[in-house]
Amino acid sequence: MVSSKVVSKKTEFIRHISALNGSFFEWFQEQYDKDHYADLSDGVQDYIDYVHQLQDRYLKEYGEVLTFGSGGNCTVSCEPRNMYIAASILINKLLILLQIVDS
């Protein structure tokens, strides 16, 4: 059975990530409207950092033992790469959405 504390933390994470995504989208749209060729990497990095903070605060299970896979691969070391991929996908979807809105 899932405890209410765990559900509450997940609910809080969803609330915060939703607000963050909305803010990021507004910021992205504003920057894109100003300059279609702007370097947005600092803003994307800030977004990724905030997501990590929210994950650590609301989703991290303390007391977990981190294990390393074969060949020296580690889930933790791969996480930032996955976040960059997710951010790239998000930006591509935002660009598509902006093109739809502009037309």
Protein backbone atom coordinates (compact mmCIF):
# COMPACT_ATOMS: atom_id res chain seq x y z
CA MET A 1 0.00 0.00 0.00
CA VAL A 2 1.31 3.47 -0.88
CA SER A 3 1.57 5.83 2.04
CA SER A 4 -0.14 9.22 1.89
CA LYS A 5 3.25 10.90 2.46
CA VAL A 6 4.62 9.40 -0.77
CA VAL A 7 1.49 10.32 -2.72
CA SER A 8 1.63 13.81 -1.27
CA LYS A 9 5.26 14.24 -2.36
CA LYS A 10 4.42 13.04 -5.87
CA THR A 11 1.43 15.37 -5.99
CA GLU A 12 3.64 18.28 -4.91
CA PHE A 13 6.22 17.35 -7.54
CA ILE A 14 3.54 17.34 -10.25
CA ARG A 15 2.25 20.72 -9.08
CA HIS A 16 5.73 22.26 -9.08
CA ILE A 17 6.88 20.71 -12.36
CA SER A 18 3.68 21.89 -14.03
CA ALA A 19 4.31 25.45 -12.85
CA LEU A 20 7.95 25.23 -13.93
CA ASN A 21 6.99 23.95 -17.38
CA GLY A 22 4.49 26.79 -17.77
CA SER A 23 7.09 29.37 -16.76
CA PHE A 24 9.68 27.81 -19.04
CA PHE A 25 7.26 27.83 -21.95
CA GLU A 26 6.44 31.51 -21.40
CA TRP A 27 10.14 32.39 -21.15
CA PHE A 28 10.96 30.32 -24.23
CA GLN A 29 8.18 31.91 -26.28
CA GLU A 30 9.30 35.39 -25.22
CA GLN A 31 12.93 34.69 -26.17
CA TYR A 32 11.94 33.06 -29.45
CA ASP A 33 9.73 36.01 -30.38
CA LYS A 34 12.63 38.40 -29.74
CA ASP A 35 15.22 36.41 -31.71
CA HIS A 36 14.64 33.12 -33.53
CA TYR A 37 18.38 32.44 -33.49
CA ALA A 38 19.15 33.27 -29.84
CA ASP A 39 21.32 30.94 -27.78
CA LEU A 40 18.94 29.67 -25.12
CA SER A 41 21.34 27.23 -23.49
CA ASP A 42 21.60 29.18 -20.20
CA GLY A 43 17.83 29.17 -19.76
CA VAL A 44 17.62 25.49 -20.64
CA GLN A 45 20.38 24.73 -18.13
CA ASP A 46 18.46 26.66 -15.46
CA TYR A 47 15.36 24.62 -16.31
CA ILE A 48 17.31 21.36 -15.99
CA ASP A 49 18.81 22.49 -12.66
CA TYR A 50 15.34 23.33 -11.31
CA VAL A 51 14.00 19.94 -12.42
CA HIS A 52 16.88 18.23 -10.58
CA GLN A 53 16.09 20.25 -7.45
CA LEU A 54 12.43 19.26 -7.64
CA GLN A 55 13.33 15.61 -8.21
CA ASP A 56 15.70 15.65 -5.24
CA ARG A 57 13.14 17.35 -3.03
CA TYR A 58 10.03 15.36 -3.94
CA LEU A 59 11.00 12.11 -5.65
CA LYS A 60 14.31 11.01 -4.15
CA GLU A 61 14.02 8.00 -1.90
CA TYR A 62 16.54 8.46 0.85
CA GLY A 63 18.32 5.34 1.99
CA GLU A 64 18.52 3.91 -1.53
CA VAL A 65 21.72 2.16 -2.42
CA LEU A 66 23.09 3.27 -5.76
CA THR A 67 24.54 0.40 -7.74
CA PHE A 68 26.77 0.47 -10.76
CA GLY A 69 25.99 -1.57 -13.84
CA SER A 70 28.40 -3.65 -15.84
CA GLY A 71 31.04 -1.79 -17.79
CA GLY A 72 31.14 1.09 -15.32
CA ASN A 73 27.77 2.50 -16.41
CA CYS A 74 25.73 4.15 -13.71
CA THR A 75 22.15 5.35 -13.77
CA VAL A 76 23.14 8.51 -11.91
CA SER A 77 25.93 9.43 -14.33
CA CYS A 78 23.58 9.04 -17.27
CA GLU A 79 20.87 11.24 -15.79
CA PRO A 80 22.17 14.65 -17.00
CA ARG A 81 22.43 13.33 -20.56
CA ASN A 82 18.81 12.19 -20.37
CA MET A 83 17.81 15.63 -19.09
CA TYR A 84 19.53 17.30 -22.04
CA ILE A 85 17.71 14.98 -24.41
CA ALA A 86 14.42 15.74 -22.67
CA ALA A 87 15.13 19.48 -22.84
CA SER A 88 15.97 19.18 -26.54
CA ILE A 89 12.70 17.35 -27.20
CA LEU A 90 10.80 19.98 -25.21
CA ILE A 91 12.38 22.80 -27.22
CA ASN A 92 11.57 21.06 -30.50
CA LYS A 93 7.94 20.64 -29.42
CA LEU A 94 7.81 24.29 -28.37
CA LEU A 95 9.14 25.35 -31.77
CA ILE A 96 6.49 23.24 -33.50
CA LEU A 97 3.79 24.72 -31.25
CA LEU A 98 4.98 28.25 -31.98
CA GLN A 99 4.90 27.55 -35.72
CA ILE A 100 1.32 26.32 -35.40
CA VAL A 101 0.31 29.39 -33.37
CA ASP A 102 2.00 31.78 -35.84
CA SER A 103 0.22 30.29 -38.85
